[in-house]
Amino acid sequence: MKIADVRATPVSVPLVAPLRHANGCHWGRFVRTIVEVETDDGRVGLGELGGGGESATAAVLGLKPYLVGRDPARLEEMRFVIANPTASLYNQRTQLLAALEFACLDLLGQAWGVPVSDILGGRLRDQVPFASYLFYRYANAADGSGEVRTVDHLVAEARALKQECGFTTHKLKGGVFPPRYELECYRALAAALPDDSFRFDPNGVWSTEVAVWFGREIESLNNDYLEDPVFGLHGMRRARERIRIPLATNTVVVGFEQLAANVLQTAVDVILLDTTFWGGIRSCVKAAGICEAFQFGVAVHSSGELGIQLATMLHLGAVIPNLTFAADAHYHHLLDDIIEGGKLQYCHGAIPVPTAPGLGVKLDRDRLARYHESFLRLGPYPYDQDPLRPGWAPLIPPTGASLTCRPDQGRHETVCVGPVRRLVVRAARGGLPPLRPQAARRRRRLRPVVALPAGRRRRATGAVPRGADPSCRGRRFPHAARRP
């Protein structure tokens, strides 16, 4: 069996509503590139790549000369042929390698009559548990539905997903609104679903000081972990020294060199393995083995998958013994899929691992054509832009009013406590509904505390945070504010 052809088809598959995140937005659809690897005996293996358009298609097809005539079973050889680490400064092909590995494993499973999980060592579980993935969302432009903006919206969405899919773990994507408001939302979720577990992810946009404050504020909740509150291994390490809940990442440990650095000087407790970002399922299995040896937690990360990549996540989750947390998935936000039978279904918060040969999913050619036509009509979208804020770009970490002040609807004078200074702003821009009177009073009663030089008495209004660095003298700490 030899590789005879490689094809790439970009598609645009609709979402319930646009998904907001710290760096931009998913614009009401997922754009993916479907990769097909065909062999000389007529078999077709499936892969999936994030993003789409002429550049993605050209990148996949540009590897065709590297692949035609090669044996799809020689996966290690393929890794060095197209993703030689010493050449990666010039040819960053990790995600391309992942899509091609998916397709080759699919081919091998079909040829040998076994599911991919058997090729990877055999399944340890027949289904993989998932967390609900909660986003702040803009309304669907077509009918105005699907908006998630307020505390009540968020709680209602979590309850509806729990009822529909059976989730008992819930992840909130933050970094969109000021930390104090997102803390209010997160606490409301925990109060509404007291028997469930939770995790929070602001996409690494906070300062270390804000991350420490937030982490301490949620210590009493049933947390799985706090994901990427800051960016960079050193920033995560500084936060971890001061927070008593596990930290997780899918951004600062996404390769073996970074994993080695984390082993030598731990900054992260839970490694979120992404079959695309790590370069394939096999790399994730290798990384899980290292995590098992050094007692790091492991979960499966989601990067906006359709059914093909979801199948890779299921096979990964089936074979690693140290899957200590429910997997993430954007999948429930999709309205449809490009695989036969439509979307895979959740049952009691989990999805069964496919048992058919290969990945266990097949392309629905009609759906593929329909969503390829949709892509040709709509085109790609920039992940790091927001369609309702043209020209906007995030400042990381956020500073000033953008960090501390709730974007109230109407005119409300709101007292905000920031990491550097106390601000009084008049919020006049649209966005969230007015503050409840109790919340407004609570914010007016907050008082910042100044870390005083050694030997001076602290003010009675609060305590200097534990672990305050002597260089922070004179700084104000929001997490030390007096409680109402």
Protein backbone atom coordinates (compact mmCIF):
# COMPACT_ATOMS: atom_id res chain seq x y z
CA MET A 1 0.00 0.00 0.00
CA LYS A 2 1.51 3.28 -1.18
CA ILE A 3 0.28 6.88 -1.09
CA ALA A 4 -1.01 7.89 -4.53
CA ASP A 5 -2.72 11.25 -3.98
CA VAL A 6 -3.36 14.00 -1.41
CA ARG A 7 -6.39 16.32 -1.50
CA ALA A 8 -7.45 19.32 0.59
CA THR A 9 -10.95 20.83 0.83
CA PRO A 10 -11.66 23.91 2.97
CA VAL A 11 -15.12 24.02 4.58
CA SER A 12 -17.14 26.46 6.66
CA VAL A 13 -19.56 24.81 9.12
CA PRO A 14 -22.05 26.99 11.05
CA LEU A 15 -22.15 27.47 14.81
CA VAL A 16 -25.11 28.19 17.06
CA ALA A 17 -23.73 31.73 17.53
CA PRO A 18 -20.38 33.56 17.38
CA LEU A 19 -18.04 32.50 20.21
CA ARG A 20 -16.11 35.29 21.93
CA HIS A 21 -12.65 34.82 23.43
CA ALA A 22 -9.90 37.03 24.82
CA ASN A 23 -8.14 37.55 21.50
CA GLY A 24 -11.09 37.84 19.14
CA CYS A 25 -14.00 35.69 18.06
CA HIS A 26 -15.13 32.64 16.11
CA TRP A 27 -17.37 34.40 13.60
CA GLY A 28 -20.38 32.13 13.73
CA ARG A 29 -18.67 29.28 11.91
CA PHE A 30 -15.68 26.98 12.07
CA VAL A 31 -13.36 27.03 9.06
CA ARG A 32 -11.43 23.78 8.67
CA THR A 33 -9.53 22.03 5.90
CA ILE A 34 -10.41 18.39 5.25
CA VAL A 35 -7.40 16.35 4.14
CA GLU A 36 -7.74 13.12 2.16
CA VAL A 37 -4.85 10.73 1.54
CA GLU A 38 -5.59 8.14 -1.12
CA THR A 39 -3.55 4.97 -1.65
CA ASP A 40 -2.84 2.94 -4.78
CA ASP A 41 -5.40 0.32 -3.73
CA GLY A 42 -8.24 2.87 -3.58
CA ARG A 43 -8.48 3.44 0.18
CA VAL A 44 -8.96 7.01 1.46
CA GLY A 45 -7.78 8.17 4.89
CA LEU A 46 -9.19 11.31 6.50
CA GLY A 47 -7.45 14.17 8.29
CA GLU A 48 -8.45 17.63 9.47
CA LEU A 49 -6.57 20.90 9.74
CA GLY A 50 -7.55 24.12 11.51
CA GLY A 51 -8.22 27.10 9.27
CA GLY A 52 -8.75 27.13 5.54
CA GLY A 53 -8.31 29.01 2.32
CA GLU A 54 -5.80 29.15 -0.46
CA SER A 55 -2.83 29.14 1.90
CA ALA A 56 -3.96 26.04 3.82
CA THR A 57 -4.83 24.19 0.64
CA ALA A 58 -1.51 25.13 -0.93
CA ALA A 59 0.38 24.05 2.20
CA VAL A 60 -1.21 20.60 2.15
CA LEU A 61 -0.81 20.11 -1.58
CA GLY A 62 2.75 21.37 -1.37
CA LEU A 63 3.62 18.23 0.61
CA LYS A 64 2.32 15.89 -2.07
CA PRO A 65 5.78 15.40 -3.65
CA TYR A 66 7.10 14.37 -0.21
CA LEU A 67 4.39 11.72 0.23
CA VAL A 68 3.46 10.10 -3.07
CA GLY A 69 4.95 6.64 -3.34
CA ARG A 70 5.61 6.29 0.39
CA ASP A 71 4.19 3.68 2.76
CA PRO A 72 1.57 5.26 5.11
CA ALA A 73 2.64 2.82 7.84
CA ARG A 74 6.08 4.44 8.12
CA LEU A 75 4.87 7.29 10.29
CA GLU A 76 8.18 8.06 11.99
CA GLU A 77 9.82 8.35 8.60
CA MET A 78 7.06 10.74 7.49
CA ARG A 79 7.64 12.86 10.60
CA PHE A 80 11.26 13.46 9.64
CA VAL A 81 10.50 13.83 5.93
CA ILE A 82 8.03 16.69 6.34
CA ALA A 83 8.65 18.04 9.87
CA ASN A 84 12.37 17.62 10.52
CA PRO A 85 12.87 19.54 13.79
CA THR A 86 16.17 21.05 12.64
CA ALA A 87 14.41 22.52 9.59
CA SER A 88 11.32 23.69 11.49
CA LEU A 89 12.58 27.27 11.75
CA TYR A 90 11.98 27.49 8.01
CA ASN A 91 9.11 25.03 7.59
CA GLN A 92 6.70 24.98 10.54
CA ARG A 93 4.56 21.99 9.61
CA THR A 94 3.45 20.55 12.94
CA GLN A 95 -0.27 20.90 12.28
CA LEU A 96 0.12 19.70 8.70
CA LEU A 97 1.92 16.64 10.03
CA ALA A 98 -0.97 16.04 12.43
CA ALA A 99 -3.59 16.09 9.66
CA LEU A 100 -1.53 13.70 7.55
CA GLU A 101 -0.90 11.38 10.49
CA PHE A 102 -4.66 11.22 11.17
CA ALA A 103 -5.21 10.16 7.56
CA CYS A 104 -2.42 7.57 7.59
CA LEU A 105 -3.66 6.01 10.83
CA ASP A 106 -7.12 5.92 9.31
CA LEU A 107 -5.69 4.08 6.29
CA LEU A 108 -3.83 1.58 8.46
CA GLY A 109 -6.92 0.84 10.53
CA GLN A 110 -8.95 0.24 7.38
CA ALA A 111 -6.27 -2.02 5.90
CA TRP A 112 -5.82 -4.03 9.10
CA GLY A 113 -9.50 -4.08 10.05
CA VAL A 114 -9.02 -2.47 13.48
CA PRO A 115 -9.86 0.91 15.06
CA VAL A 116 -7.04 3.40 15.55
CA SER A 117 -7.19 2.88 19.32
CA ASP A 118 -6.04 -0.72 18.78
CA ILE A 119 -3.06 0.50 16.75
CA LEU A 120 -2.16 2.81 19.63
CA GLY A 121 -2.08 0.01 22.18
CA GLY A 122 -5.71 -0.81 22.81
CA ARG A 123 -8.48 1.05 24.53
CA LEU A 124 -8.75 1.38 28.28
CA ARG A 125 -12.23 2.94 28.14
CA ASP A 126 -15.13 2.67 25.72
CA GLN A 127 -16.26 6.26 26.05
CA VAL A 128 -14.57 9.57 26.81
CA PRO A 129 -16.17 12.07 29.22
CA PHE A 130 -16.40 15.71 28.13
CA ALA A 131 -16.91 19.09 29.76
CA SER A 132 -19.42 21.61 28.52
CA TYR A 133 -17.53 24.46 26.90
CA LEU A 134 -19.23 27.72 27.84
CA PHE A 135 -18.51 30.89 25.89
CA TYR A 136 -19.75 34.42 26.00
CA ARG A 137 -21.52 34.65 22.65
CA TYR A 138 -22.82 37.30 20.33
CA ALA A 139 -26.35 36.77 19.06
CA ASN A 140 -26.78 34.80 15.85
CA ALA A 141 -27.01 37.42 13.10
CA ALA A 142 -29.72 35.46 11.28
CA ASP A 143 -32.34 35.26 14.03
CA GLY A 144 -30.93 36.97 17.13
CA SER A 145 -30.72 33.73 19.11
CA GLY A 146 -27.87 32.21 21.08
CA GLU A 147 -26.56 35.29 22.90
CA VAL A 148 -24.67 34.65 26.15
CA ARG A 149 -23.73 37.87 27.90
CA THR A 150 -25.21 38.07 31.38
CA VAL A 151 -24.96 35.89 34.47
CA ASP A 152 -28.49 34.63 33.83
CA HIS A 153 -27.67 33.82 30.20
CA LEU A 154 -24.64 31.83 31.27
CA VAL A 155 -26.39 29.83 33.99
CA ALA A 156 -29.30 29.06 31.65
CA GLU A 157 -26.90 27.85 28.95
CA ALA A 158 -25.03 25.60 31.38
CA ARG A 159 -28.27 24.09 32.67
CA ALA A 160 -29.56 23.53 29.15
CA LEU A 161 -26.34 21.75 28.10
CA LYS A 162 -26.42 19.62 31.24
CA GLN A 163 -30.00 18.65 30.46
CA GLU A 164 -29.28 17.94 26.78
CA CYS A 165 -25.85 16.27 26.97
CA GLY A 166 -25.47 15.18 30.60
CA PHE A 167 -22.33 17.21 31.36
CA THR A 168 -21.12 17.22 34.96
CA THR A 169 -18.01 19.32 34.27
CA HIS A 170 -18.18 22.85 32.89
CA LYS A 171 -15.49 25.08 31.41
CA LEU A 172 -15.94 28.83 31.05
CA LYS A 173 -13.93 30.67 28.42
CA GLY A 174 -13.04 34.03 29.96
CA GLY A 175 -10.79 36.95 29.23
CA VAL A 176 -13.64 38.74 27.45
CA PHE A 177 -15.04 40.91 30.25
CA PRO A 178 -13.28 42.40 33.30
CA PRO A 179 -12.06 39.81 35.81
CA ARG A 180 -14.42 40.91 38.57
CA TYR A 181 -17.46 40.37 36.38
CA GLU A 182 -16.18 37.02 35.12
CA LEU A 183 -15.59 36.00 38.73
CA GLU A 184 -19.24 36.82 39.44
CA CYS A 185 -20.27 34.66 36.47
CA TYR A 186 -18.06 31.77 37.50
CA ARG A 187 -19.34 31.82 41.07
CA ALA A 188 -22.92 31.89 39.80
CA LEU A 189 -22.26 28.76 37.72
CA ALA A 190 -20.82 26.96 40.74
CA ALA A 191 -23.80 27.99 42.87
CA ALA A 192 -26.32 26.91 40.23
CA LEU A 193 -24.73 23.46 39.72
CA PRO A 194 -23.34 22.58 43.16
CA ASP A 195 -22.65 18.91 42.40
CA ASP A 196 -20.55 19.60 39.30
CA SER A 197 -16.91 20.58 38.75
CA PHE A 198 -15.61 23.66 36.96
CA ARG A 199 -12.63 25.08 35.13
CA PHE A 200 -11.83 28.58 33.87
CA ASP A 201 -9.70 29.74 30.93
CA PRO A 202 -8.92 33.43 30.21
CA ASN A 203 -6.55 32.53 27.35
CA GLY A 204 -3.42 33.77 29.09
CA VAL A 205 -4.25 37.49 28.91
CA TRP A 206 -4.05 38.44 32.61
CA SER A 207 -1.13 39.79 34.57
CA THR A 208 0.32 37.52 37.24
CA GLU A 209 -1.14 39.73 39.97
CA VAL A 210 -4.67 39.44 38.59
CA ALA A 211 -4.22 35.68 38.10
CA VAL A 212 -3.19 35.28 41.74
CA TRP A 213 -6.14 37.37 42.91
CA PHE A 214 -8.62 35.38 40.80
CA GLY A 215 -7.13 32.04 41.81
CA ARG A 216 -7.47 32.87 45.49
CA GLU A 217 -11.02 34.09 45.02
CA ILE A 218 -12.14 30.74 43.55
CA GLU A 219 -10.25 28.44 45.94
CA SER A 220 -13.43 27.42 47.76
CA LEU A 221 -15.17 26.23 44.56
CA ASN A 222 -15.07 22.73 43.07
CA ASN A 223 -12.34 23.50 40.52
CA ASP A 224 -10.64 21.07 38.18
CA TYR A 225 -7.99 23.66 37.39
CA LEU A 226 -7.34 27.22 36.27
CA GLU A 227 -6.20 27.17 32.65
CA ASP A 228 -3.63 29.58 31.23
CA PRO A 229 -4.34 32.59 33.46
CA VAL A 230 -1.07 34.15 32.21
CA PHE A 231 1.20 33.54 29.25
CA GLY A 232 4.65 32.00 29.38
CA LEU A 233 6.25 29.36 31.55
CA HIS A 234 7.78 31.87 33.93
CA GLY A 235 4.51 33.75 34.39
CA MET A 236 2.71 30.47 35.06
CA ARG A 237 5.42 29.48 37.52
CA ARG A 238 5.06 32.76 39.43
CA ALA A 239 1.28 32.32 39.58
CA ARG A 240 1.54 28.68 40.63
CA GLU A 241 3.75 29.62 43.60
CA ARG A 242 0.91 31.74 44.99
CA ILE A 243 -2.23 29.78 44.00
CA ARG A 244 -3.48 26.65 45.74
CA ILE A 245 -5.41 25.12 42.82
CA PRO A 246 -3.87 23.28 39.84
CA LEU A 247 -2.82 25.25 36.79
CA ALA A 248 -3.32 23.82 33.31
CA THR A 249 -2.09 24.81 29.86
CA ASN A 250 -2.55 24.25 26.17
CA THR A 251 -0.38 27.21 25.18
CA VAL A 252 2.97 27.10 27.02
CA VAL A 253 3.54 23.32 26.95
CA VAL A 254 2.73 22.17 23.42
CA GLY A 255 5.92 20.33 22.58
CA PHE A 256 8.50 18.04 24.10
CA GLU A 257 11.12 20.71 24.76
CA GLN A 258 8.58 22.74 26.75
CA LEU A 259 7.43 19.58 28.52
CA ALA A 260 11.04 18.87 29.52
CA ALA A 261 11.36 22.43 30.88
CA ASN A 262 8.19 21.93 32.90
CA VAL A 263 9.54 18.68 34.33
CA LEU A 264 12.78 20.37 35.40
CA GLN A 265 11.11 23.46 36.87
CA THR A 266 7.39 22.92 37.25
CA ALA A 267 5.08 25.72 36.13
CA VAL A 268 2.00 23.71 35.14
CA ASP A 269 0.19 20.83 36.84
CA VAL A 270 -2.12 19.63 34.04
CA ILE A 271 -1.06 19.27 30.40
CA LEU A 272 -3.88 19.64 27.87
CA LEU A 273 -2.98 17.46 24.91
CA ASP A 274 -4.23 18.63 21.52
CA THR A 275 -3.91 16.15 18.65
CA THR A 276 -3.36 19.04 16.23
CA PHE A 277 -1.01 21.28 18.23
CA TRP A 278 1.24 18.38 19.26
CA GLY A 279 1.57 17.07 15.70
CA GLY A 280 -0.69 14.01 15.88
CA ILE A 281 -2.22 11.39 18.14
CA ARG A 282 1.03 9.48 18.56
CA SER A 283 2.89 12.52 19.90
CA CYS A 284 0.12 13.03 22.44
CA VAL A 285 0.41 9.41 23.57
CA LYS A 286 4.17 9.88 24.01
CA ALA A 287 3.61 13.09 25.98
CA ALA A 288 1.00 11.36 28.16
CA GLY A 289 3.59 8.72 29.01
CA ILE A 290 6.04 11.38 30.18
CA CYS A 291 3.29 13.03 32.22
CA GLU A 292 2.47 9.66 33.78
CA ALA A 293 6.10 9.20 34.82
CA PHE A 294 6.30 12.64 36.43
CA GLN A 295 2.77 12.63 37.86
CA PHE A 296 1.33 15.50 35.83
CA GLY A 297 -2.38 15.50 35.16
CA VAL A 298 -3.59 15.07 31.58
CA ALA A 299 -6.70 16.11 29.67
CA VAL A 300 -7.64 16.28 25.98
CA HIS A 301 -7.77 19.80 24.53
CA SER A 302 -10.15 21.12 21.89
CA SER A 303 -9.14 23.44 19.07
CA GLY A 304 -12.46 23.86 17.26
CA GLU A 305 -12.86 20.40 15.76
CA LEU A 306 -15.23 18.77 13.31
CA GLY A 307 -16.00 15.06 13.45
CA ILE A 308 -12.68 13.87 12.02
CA GLN A 309 -10.52 15.54 14.64
CA LEU A 310 -13.08 14.66 17.31
CA ALA A 311 -12.53 11.01 16.39
CA THR A 312 -8.78 11.47 16.95
CA MET A 313 -9.53 12.95 20.38
CA LEU A 314 -11.72 9.98 21.24
CA HIS A 315 -9.07 7.45 20.24
CA LEU A 316 -6.47 9.39 22.25
CA GLY A 317 -8.72 9.54 25.29
CA ALA A 318 -9.41 5.82 25.00
CA VAL A 319 -5.78 4.68 25.24
CA ILE A 320 -4.02 6.91 27.78
CA PRO A 321 -4.24 5.60 31.35
CA ASN A 322 -3.77 8.97 33.04
CA LEU A 323 -6.75 10.81 31.54
CA THR A 324 -7.54 12.42 34.88
CA PHE A 325 -10.03 15.05 33.70
CA ALA A 326 -12.95 15.27 31.29
CA ALA A 327 -11.96 16.34 27.77
CA ASP A 328 -12.78 19.72 26.23
CA ALA A 329 -14.81 20.05 23.03
CA HIS A 330 -16.31 22.93 21.07
CA TYR A 331 -18.36 20.28 19.30
CA HIS A 332 -21.75 21.02 20.89
CA HIS A 333 -21.62 24.57 19.45
CA LEU A 334 -21.76 23.17 15.89
CA LEU A 335 -25.05 22.98 14.01
CA ASP A 336 -23.85 20.20 11.69
CA ASP A 337 -20.81 18.14 10.65
CA ILE A 338 -19.22 16.80 7.47
CA ILE A 339 -19.32 13.12 8.47
CA GLU A 340 -21.91 10.50 7.59
CA GLY A 341 -24.85 10.51 9.98
CA GLY A 342 -24.20 14.08 11.10
CA LYS A 343 -22.85 15.01 14.51
CA LEU A 344 -21.70 12.38 16.99
CA GLN A 345 -23.98 12.28 20.03
CA TYR A 346 -23.28 12.82 23.72
CA CYS A 347 -24.67 10.35 26.24
CA HIS A 348 -24.38 11.14 29.97
CA GLY A 349 -21.70 13.71 29.19
CA ALA A 350 -19.55 11.30 27.16
CA ILE A 351 -19.10 10.17 23.55
CA PRO A 352 -18.47 6.51 22.67
CA VAL A 353 -15.12 5.72 21.08
CA PRO A 354 -15.64 4.61 17.43
CA THR A 355 -15.24 0.88 16.89
CA ALA A 356 -15.21 0.73 13.08
CA PRO A 357 -11.83 0.26 11.34
CA GLY A 358 -9.61 3.32 11.19
CA LEU A 359 -10.87 6.53 12.75
CA GLY A 360 -14.38 5.12 12.48
CA VAL A 361 -15.91 8.10 10.64
CA LYS A 362 -16.58 8.63 6.93
CA LEU A 363 -17.06 11.74 4.85
CA ASP A 364 -20.57 12.72 3.83
CA ARG A 365 -19.81 13.93 0.32
CA ASP A 366 -23.00 15.98 0.06
CA ARG A 367 -22.25 17.81 3.31
CA LEU A 368 -18.62 18.29 2.26
CA ALA A 369 -19.74 19.91 -1.00
CA ARG A 370 -22.32 22.09 0.77
CA TYR A 371 -19.89 23.44 3.35
CA HIS A 372 -17.13 23.86 0.78
CA GLU A 373 -19.53 26.03 -1.20
CA SER A 374 -20.24 27.93 2.03
CA PHE A 375 -16.53 28.51 2.45
CA LEU A 376 -16.19 29.78 -1.11
CA ARG A 377 -19.06 32.20 -0.44
CA LEU A 378 -18.00 33.42 3.04
CA GLY A 379 -14.24 32.91 2.96
CA PRO A 380 -12.03 32.54 6.04
CA TYR A 381 -12.10 34.81 9.08
CA PRO A 382 -9.30 36.14 11.30
CA TYR A 383 -9.35 34.32 14.65
CA ASP A 384 -7.72 37.31 16.35
CA GLN A 385 -10.32 39.87 15.27
CA ASP A 386 -13.82 40.66 16.49
CA PRO A 387 -16.48 41.27 13.80
CA LEU A 388 -18.41 43.72 15.98
CA ARG A 389 -15.30 45.70 16.96
CA PRO A 390 -13.54 46.49 13.66
CA GLY A 391 -9.88 47.31 14.13
CA TRP A 392 -9.84 46.20 17.77
CA ALA A 393 -6.87 44.27 19.12
CA PRO A 394 -6.25 43.09 22.69
CA LEU A 395 -3.66 44.64 24.98
CA ILE A 396 -2.01 41.85 26.99
CA PRO A 397 -2.21 42.10 29.91
CA PRO A 398 -5.19 44.49 29.87
CA THR A 399 -4.71 47.73 31.79
CA GLY A 400 -6.84 50.50 33.19
CA ALA A 401 -10.58 50.56 32.72
CA SER A 402 -10.56 47.74 30.20
CA LEU A 403 -9.29 45.45 32.95
CA THR A 404 -11.35 46.57 35.88
CA CYS A 405 -14.61 48.12 34.80
CA ARG A 406 -17.76 46.30 33.95
CA PRO A 407 -19.17 47.53 30.61
CA ASP A 408 -22.62 48.48 31.95
CA GLN A 409 -25.51 49.44 29.77
CA GLY A 410 -26.57 53.00 30.38
CA ARG A 411 -24.80 55.42 32.70
CA HIS A 412 -23.69 54.00 36.03
CA GLU A 413 -20.88 55.38 38.12
CA THR A 414 -18.95 52.29 39.14
CA VAL A 415 -16.07 52.02 41.55
CA CYS A 416 -13.44 49.62 40.24
CA VAL A 417 -10.33 48.35 41.95
CA GLY A 418 -7.47 47.58 39.58
CA PRO A 419 -4.05 46.02 40.07
CA VAL A 420 -2.37 49.41 40.14
CA ARG A 421 -4.89 52.07 41.11
CA ARG A 422 -8.47 52.64 42.19
CA LEU A 423 -10.56 53.95 39.34
CA VAL A 424 -13.93 55.65 39.34
CA VAL A 425 -15.37 55.57 35.84
CA ARG A 426 -18.68 56.39 34.30
CA ALA A 427 -19.54 53.44 32.05
CA ALA A 428 -21.58 54.76 29.18
CA ARG A 429 -20.96 52.15 26.53
CA GLY A 430 -23.40 49.38 25.64
CA GLY A 431 -22.91 45.82 26.71
CA LEU A 432 -24.12 44.22 29.89
CA PRO A 433 -27.33 45.07 31.76
CA PRO A 434 -27.09 47.52 34.68
CA LEU A 435 -25.41 46.42 37.87
CA ARG A 436 -27.75 45.12 40.53
CA PRO A 437 -27.95 47.65 43.40
CA GLN A 438 -26.33 45.20 45.83
CA ALA A 439 -23.40 44.64 43.46
CA ALA A 440 -22.93 48.36 42.97
CA ARG A 441 -22.88 48.93 46.73
CA ARG A 442 -20.44 46.07 47.18
CA ARG A 443 -18.04 47.65 44.69
CA ARG A 444 -18.31 51.07 46.35
CA ARG A 445 -17.27 49.50 49.67
CA LEU A 446 -14.07 47.96 48.29
CA ARG A 447 -10.89 49.64 49.43
CA PRO A 448 -7.43 48.99 48.03
CA VAL A 449 -4.57 48.12 50.34
CA VAL A 450 -1.02 49.35 49.99
CA ALA A 451 1.89 47.04 50.78
CA LEU A 452 3.87 49.04 53.34
CA PRO A 453 7.62 48.93 54.00
CA ALA A 454 8.84 46.52 56.65
CA GLY A 455 8.20 47.62 60.22
CA ARG A 456 5.20 49.82 59.47
CA ARG A 457 1.73 48.88 60.65
CA ARG A 458 -0.70 47.65 58.04
CA ARG A 459 -4.00 49.45 57.67
CA ALA A 460 -6.98 47.78 59.27
CA THR A 461 -8.82 47.73 55.97
CA GLY A 462 -7.04 44.62 54.73
CA ALA A 463 -3.91 42.53 54.65
CA VAL A 464 -0.99 42.55 52.31
CA PRO A 465 -1.23 39.40 50.16
CA ARG A 466 0.83 36.40 51.04
CA GLY A 467 4.10 36.25 49.15
CA ALA A 468 4.09 39.96 48.31
CA ASP A 469 7.41 40.76 46.71
CA PRO A 470 9.41 43.51 48.48
CA SER A 471 9.66 45.22 45.09
CA CYS A 472 5.88 45.63 45.15
CA ARG A 473 5.93 48.21 47.94
CA GLY A 474 3.37 50.87 47.23
CA ARG A 475 1.36 48.68 44.82
CA ARG A 476 -2.30 48.04 45.34
CA PHE A 477 -3.71 44.53 45.39
CA PRO A 478 -7.37 43.97 44.49
CA HIS A 479 -7.49 40.56 46.17
CA ALA A 480 -6.63 42.15 49.52
CA ALA A 481 -9.62 44.50 49.49
CA ARG A 482 -11.87 44.52 52.54
CA ARG A 483 -14.87 42.23 52.32
CA PRO A 484 -18.34 43.72 52.65
